[in-house]
Structure formats: C-alpha cells, structure tokens
Protein backbone atom coordinates (compact mmCIF):
# COMPACT_ATOMS: atom_id res chain seq x y z
CA MET A 1 -36.74 16.30 41.94
CA PRO A 2 -36.20 12.63 42.86
CA THR A 3 -38.92 10.66 44.58
CA LEU A 4 -38.67 8.16 47.41
CA ASP A 5 -39.15 5.16 45.10
CA SER A 6 -35.95 6.09 43.20
CA LEU A 7 -33.66 5.64 46.22
CA LYS A 8 -31.45 2.57 46.42
CA VAL A 9 -30.98 0.32 49.44
CA GLY A 10 -28.87 2.11 52.05
CA GLU A 11 -29.59 5.62 50.74
CA SER A 12 -31.06 8.31 52.97
CA ALA A 13 -32.95 11.49 52.15
CA ARG A 14 -35.27 14.12 53.62
CA ILE A 15 -38.89 14.47 52.58
CA ILE A 16 -39.41 17.69 50.61
CA SER A 17 -43.11 17.35 49.73
CA ILE A 18 -45.91 14.82 49.39
CA HIS A 19 -47.97 14.74 46.17
CA LEU A 20 -50.65 12.13 46.86
CA PRO A 21 -54.44 12.19 47.21
CA ALA A 22 -55.46 13.81 50.52
CA GLN A 23 -56.54 10.58 52.21
CA GLU A 24 -53.27 8.78 51.35
CA ALA A 25 -51.17 11.79 52.35
CA GLN A 26 -53.01 12.02 55.69
CA ARG A 27 -52.40 8.32 56.42
CA LEU A 28 -48.67 8.60 55.64
CA THR A 29 -48.38 11.78 57.72
CA GLU A 30 -49.94 9.95 60.68
CA MET A 31 -47.25 7.26 60.26
CA GLY A 32 -44.48 9.87 60.54
CA LEU A 33 -43.73 10.63 56.90
CA THR A 34 -43.82 14.41 57.22
CA VAL A 35 -41.99 17.18 55.37
CA GLY A 36 -38.46 17.41 56.77
CA ALA A 37 -38.39 13.85 58.13
CA SER A 38 -35.31 11.79 57.32
CA VAL A 39 -35.91 8.40 55.70
CA LYS A 40 -33.53 5.56 54.85
CA VAL A 41 -34.22 2.65 52.51
CA GLU A 42 -33.48 -0.46 54.57
CA ARG A 43 -34.35 -3.13 51.99
CA LEU A 44 -36.63 -4.09 49.13
CA ALA A 45 -38.93 -7.08 48.78
CA PRO A 46 -37.74 -9.76 46.30
CA PHE A 47 -39.60 -8.16 43.38
CA GLY A 48 -38.84 -4.62 44.56
CA ASP A 49 -42.25 -3.84 46.05
CA PRO A 50 -42.88 -2.98 48.85
CA MET A 51 -39.84 -1.16 50.20
CA GLU A 52 -38.84 -1.12 53.85
CA LEU A 53 -37.91 2.29 55.25
CA VAL A 54 -36.53 3.52 58.55
CA VAL A 55 -38.27 6.72 59.57
CA ARG A 56 -38.19 8.31 63.03
CA GLY A 57 -36.51 5.22 64.48
CA TYR A 58 -38.97 2.59 63.29
CA HIS A 59 -39.39 0.37 60.24
CA LEU A 60 -42.19 1.07 57.78
CA SER A 61 -43.15 -0.83 54.63
CA LEU A 62 -44.41 1.30 51.78
CA ARG A 63 -45.62 0.45 48.29
CA LYS A 64 -43.60 1.94 45.45
CA SER A 65 -46.79 3.51 44.06
CA GLU A 66 -47.09 5.50 47.31
CA ALA A 67 -43.35 6.24 47.46
CA SER A 68 -43.49 7.70 43.93
CA GLY A 69 -45.64 10.56 45.28
CA ILE A 70 -43.08 11.59 47.91
CA GLU A 71 -40.46 14.08 46.74
CA VAL A 72 -37.09 13.79 48.50
CA GLY A 73 -33.80 15.66 48.63
CA LYS A 74 -30.44 15.21 50.32
C-alpha cells in the first residue's frame, strides 16, 4: 500500500491506516489526520521536507518521516 509521503503535489488520497508510535499517532489524530479523512498534497518545501497538506479544509505541514507511517488509498 502507498504511504502519504509517496504522493506527488496535487494528488489526493484517503487515509487507510496510521502506523506510528502511539504518541505520534495521537498527535496527528488530534490534528484531523484520521482514518477515512481525505488529504491533498498542496506543495513541498524546497528540499522536499516538510510537505504541506490540505486536510479537513485547513493546511497542515508534516514531516516526510511522519507521512511515511500513514497508509493511503484512492
């Protein structure tokens, strides 16, 4: 399954599952990154990290190391 960090700018996907340590997963869940939520990659920083996402109508910056633990599907 692809992960959030593999999406290109402009691509959208739905979160399938989150495979991160409990504390990190809890923090991301509180920010709206929940199973079933739709996310879109808005842009990447000049060196590709962090990535800016649109989730639930707001912009969120996320490190690629965190995004690699979030499984997505179309």
